[in-house]
């Protein structure tokens, strides 16, 4: 089983047994979902905000909120966008770039 690390972010905590049950049923779940799993399972609103690039690839910041606090996430995203406007330019794809063809 994958090792679990619980981070207290001020949200209601899920029981470790629920997390372990999900991870045991689908071993690749953590790998596929990364840090989005907890918010998706528990139903917390989340937003991914573009914040820049690393090696010409886009990087985002994920922000979660308590239940029914979606509007606060929109406010955070709006503030970040105003302070750091995201250029609407797609990264260049070159012959050496790895491009996924999985659908």
Protein backbone atom coordinates (compact mmCIF):
# COMPACT_ATOMS: atom_id res chain seq x y z
CA UNK A 1 0.00 0.00 0.00
CA UNK A 2 1.16 3.55 -0.68
CA UNK A 3 2.32 5.51 2.35
CA UNK A 4 -0.12 8.19 3.44
CA UNK A 5 0.74 11.60 4.79
CA UNK A 6 -2.05 13.59 6.42
CA UNK A 7 -1.84 17.35 6.15
CA UNK A 8 -4.06 19.45 8.41
CA UNK A 9 -5.18 22.34 6.24
CA UNK A 10 -8.09 23.46 8.39
CA UNK A 11 -10.62 21.28 6.58
CA UNK A 12 -12.71 18.48 8.11
CA UNK A 13 -10.50 15.39 8.16
CA UNK A 14 -11.34 12.16 6.40
CA UNK A 15 -10.71 9.00 8.34
CA UNK A 16 -7.50 7.24 7.37
CA UNK A 17 -9.49 4.02 6.93
CA UNK A 18 -11.55 5.62 4.14
CA UNK A 19 -8.41 6.83 2.40
CA UNK A 20 -6.74 3.43 2.81
CA UNK A 21 -9.82 1.66 1.40
CA UNK A 22 -9.79 3.84 -1.70
CA UNK A 23 -6.04 3.46 -2.19
CA UNK A 24 -6.25 -0.33 -1.73
CA UNK A 25 -9.02 -0.66 -4.34
CA UNK A 26 -7.23 1.36 -6.97
CA UNK A 27 -3.45 1.25 -6.45
CA UNK A 28 -2.76 3.83 -9.14
CA UNK A 29 -5.31 6.31 -7.79
CA UNK A 30 -2.72 8.38 -5.93
CA UNK A 31 -0.39 8.38 -8.92
CA UNK A 32 -3.15 9.40 -11.34
CA UNK A 33 -4.82 12.02 -9.18
CA UNK A 34 -1.92 13.48 -7.31
CA UNK A 35 -3.07 16.05 -4.81
CA UNK A 36 -6.60 16.36 -6.22
CA UNK A 37 -7.91 13.13 -4.71
CA UNK A 38 -8.85 14.41 -1.26
CA UNK A 39 -10.86 17.37 -2.54
CA UNK A 40 -12.59 15.22 -5.15
CA UNK A 41 -13.57 12.48 -2.72
CA UNK A 42 -14.56 14.80 0.10
CA UNK A 43 -16.28 17.34 -2.14
CA UNK A 44 -14.30 20.45 -1.25
CA UNK A 45 -14.32 23.15 -3.91
CA UNK A 46 -10.94 23.63 -5.58
CA UNK A 47 -9.46 25.79 -8.29
CA UNK A 48 -6.25 25.49 -10.26
CA UNK A 49 -4.67 28.83 -11.05
CA UNK A 50 -1.90 29.26 -13.63
CA UNK A 51 1.08 30.93 -11.96
CA UNK A 52 3.91 30.78 -14.46
CA UNK A 53 6.15 28.39 -16.34
CA UNK A 54 9.10 26.12 -15.61
CA UNK A 55 11.21 25.04 -18.57
CA UNK A 56 8.55 26.59 -20.85
CA UNK A 57 5.82 24.37 -19.36
CA UNK A 58 2.81 25.83 -17.51
CA UNK A 59 2.68 25.53 -13.73
CA UNK A 60 -0.47 25.89 -11.65
CA UNK A 61 -1.36 26.39 -8.01
CA UNK A 62 -4.26 24.43 -6.54
CA UNK A 63 -6.32 26.15 -3.84
CA UNK A 64 -9.00 24.40 -1.80
CA UNK A 65 -11.78 25.86 0.33
CA UNK A 66 -14.29 24.68 2.87
CA UNK A 67 -17.61 23.33 1.65
CA UNK A 68 -19.89 25.93 0.03
CA UNK A 69 -17.08 28.52 -0.11
CA UNK A 70 -16.67 28.46 -3.89
CA UNK A 71 -16.95 32.24 -4.13
CA UNK A 72 -13.83 32.64 -1.98
CA UNK A 73 -11.88 30.56 -4.50
CA UNK A 74 -13.06 32.79 -7.34
CA UNK A 75 -11.87 35.82 -5.33
CA UNK A 76 -8.44 34.23 -4.80
CA UNK A 77 -8.16 33.30 -8.49
CA UNK A 78 -9.22 36.80 -9.54
CA UNK A 79 -6.64 38.41 -7.24
CA UNK A 80 -3.83 36.15 -8.51
CA UNK A 81 -4.83 36.83 -12.12
CA UNK A 82 -4.84 40.59 -11.54
CA UNK A 83 -1.42 40.51 -9.87
CA UNK A 84 0.11 38.04 -12.33
CA UNK A 85 -1.78 38.09 -15.66
CA UNK A 86 -1.53 34.81 -17.53
CA UNK A 87 -0.49 35.23 -21.17
CA UNK A 88 -2.83 33.37 -23.47
CA UNK A 89 0.03 31.78 -25.36
CA UNK A 90 0.39 28.01 -25.71
CA UNK A 91 3.84 26.58 -25.05
CA UNK A 92 5.81 25.74 -28.17
CA UNK A 93 5.93 22.07 -29.17
CA UNK A 94 9.24 21.09 -30.68
CA UNK A 95 10.46 17.92 -32.35
CA UNK A 96 12.12 16.85 -29.09
CA UNK A 97 9.00 17.38 -26.95
CA UNK A 98 7.27 14.38 -25.45
CA UNK A 99 3.62 14.59 -26.48
CA UNK A 100 1.07 12.17 -25.05
CA UNK A 101 -1.23 10.50 -27.54
CA UNK A 102 -3.31 8.78 -24.84
CA UNK A 103 -7.00 9.58 -24.97
